[in-house]
Each structure stands twice: as structure tokens, then as C-alpha cells.
Amino acid sequence: MEFLKTNGQKKGDQVLLPYRKLMNQNSAVFSEELFEAIFKRDIYELPFEQHTLIAVQKWAEFAEMALQDDKIYLFECCFIQNPLTIGMIK
């Protein structure tokens, strides 16, 4: 549980964990059992309604931040393609 507190981002009653990023930084932290337990709760594995709610919240947070910045953002296609694909599959 300490791992989640240290590395996760609390959002309401959810904890978002950038586990792929953490694995790339230090794969020794993740046992096979831990990875499998985390992966089962991956955003793409959640029920569609829950997945959509989290995704919309994250985009709203980004929009609020982007309105304050004087920057140009370039997006990799997966930011649009993956959510649409998941929506069609589910």
C-alpha cells in the first residue's frame, strides 16, 4: 500500500498509477505478481463507464492547465485513437 501512496495520484476514491512509466524507470520494483495485480485494474480493463469517467476527468484537468499556458501542444495519435478503439470494443 505504501507503494501506491508514494507513486500514485489520488483522484477521489481512485488511485492512478503510472505503472508502465515506473517499470521503465526501475523494473526491479515490479514482481510478476505485482504487475499482474496492477494490470487487472488498468484503465483499459475497467468497465466502460468507469473508464470514460476517468478519461474525461483527465482531459478536463489538462484543458484547465492548457488554458493557463502559452504553449503549443502536439498529440500522439494514441491520445484519440486508443479511447475511441476502447469505446468501440466495449
Protein backbone atom coordinates (compact mmCIF):
# COMPACT_ATOMS: atom_id res chain seq x y z
CA MET A 1 0.00 0.00 0.00
CA GLU A 2 2.93 2.35 0.66
CA PHE A 3 3.93 1.89 -2.99
CA LEU A 4 0.57 3.32 -4.10
CA LYS A 5 0.83 6.26 -1.69
CA THR A 6 4.32 7.11 -2.88
CA ASN A 7 3.80 6.65 -6.63
CA GLY A 8 0.06 7.01 -7.19
CA GLN A 9 -2.07 10.07 -7.84
CA LYS A 10 -5.23 10.14 -5.71
CA LYS A 11 -8.37 11.12 -7.65
CA GLY A 12 -11.46 10.87 -5.49
CA ASP A 13 -11.68 7.25 -4.41
CA GLN A 14 -9.32 6.13 -7.20
CA VAL A 15 -5.52 5.98 -7.30
CA LEU A 16 -3.96 6.43 -10.73
CA LEU A 17 -0.61 4.70 -11.00
CA PRO A 18 1.69 5.29 -13.99
CA TYR A 19 2.94 1.72 -13.70
CA ARG A 20 4.40 1.47 -17.20
CA LYS A 21 6.45 4.62 -16.60
CA LEU A 22 7.57 3.29 -13.22
CA MET A 23 8.52 -0.04 -14.79
CA ASN A 24 10.64 1.73 -17.40
CA GLN A 25 12.42 3.65 -14.63
CA ASN A 26 13.01 0.64 -12.38
CA SER A 27 11.65 -2.72 -13.46
CA ALA A 28 13.15 -4.42 -10.38
CA VAL A 29 10.38 -2.86 -8.26
CA PHE A 30 7.74 -4.96 -10.03
CA SER A 31 7.41 -8.64 -9.36
CA GLU A 32 5.34 -10.62 -11.85
CA GLU A 33 2.57 -10.92 -9.24
CA LEU A 34 2.51 -7.17 -8.58
CA PHE A 35 2.42 -6.36 -12.28
CA GLU A 36 -0.47 -8.77 -12.88
CA ALA A 37 -2.43 -7.38 -9.91
CA ILE A 38 -1.95 -3.81 -11.14
CA PHE A 39 -2.67 -4.66 -14.78
CA LYS A 40 -6.06 -6.16 -13.86
CA ARG A 41 -7.06 -2.65 -12.72
CA ASP A 42 -5.57 -0.85 -15.74
CA ILE A 43 -7.83 1.94 -17.04
CA TYR A 44 -8.42 -0.06 -20.25
CA GLU A 45 -9.55 -3.08 -18.23
CA LEU A 46 -12.18 -1.17 -16.20
CA PRO A 47 -15.88 -1.17 -17.10
CA PHE A 48 -16.50 1.29 -19.93
CA GLU A 49 -18.46 3.78 -17.80
CA GLN A 50 -15.69 3.96 -15.20
CA HIS A 51 -13.01 4.18 -17.91
CA THR A 52 -14.87 7.03 -19.59
CA LEU A 53 -15.34 8.96 -16.36
CA ILE A 54 -11.62 8.82 -15.55
CA ALA A 55 -10.61 9.75 -19.10
CA VAL A 56 -12.98 12.73 -19.22
CA GLN A 57 -11.70 13.95 -15.84
CA LYS A 58 -8.08 13.73 -17.03
CA TRP A 59 -8.88 15.66 -20.24
CA ALA A 60 -10.74 18.32 -18.23
CA GLU A 61 -7.70 18.74 -15.96
CA PHE A 62 -5.46 19.05 -19.00
CA ALA A 63 -7.79 21.62 -20.59
CA GLU A 64 -7.74 23.75 -17.43
CA MET A 65 -3.95 23.63 -17.33
CA ALA A 66 -3.59 24.30 -21.07
CA LEU A 67 -5.79 27.39 -20.83
CA GLN A 68 -3.28 28.87 -18.40
CA ASP A 69 -0.20 28.06 -20.52
CA ASP A 70 1.06 29.90 -23.55
CA LYS A 71 2.22 26.72 -25.27
CA ILE A 72 1.53 24.68 -28.36
CA TYR A 73 0.66 21.04 -27.73
CA LEU A 74 1.27 18.23 -30.21
CA PHE A 75 -0.56 14.98 -29.54
CA GLU A 76 0.45 11.47 -30.45
CA CYS A 77 -2.47 9.77 -32.21
CA CYS A 78 -2.94 7.31 -29.34
CA PHE A 79 -4.49 10.08 -27.21
CA ILE A 80 -7.52 10.00 -29.51
CA GLN A 81 -7.21 6.61 -31.21
CA ASN A 82 -6.94 4.46 -28.05
CA PRO A 83 -10.05 5.88 -26.29
CA LEU A 84 -12.10 5.56 -29.50
CA THR A 85 -10.93 2.00 -30.05
CA ILE A 86 -11.70 1.01 -26.46
CA GLY A 87 -15.15 2.62 -26.77
CA MET A 88 -15.90 0.67 -29.93
CA ILE A 89 -14.70 -2.63 -28.43
CA LYS A 90 -16.55 -2.28 -25.15
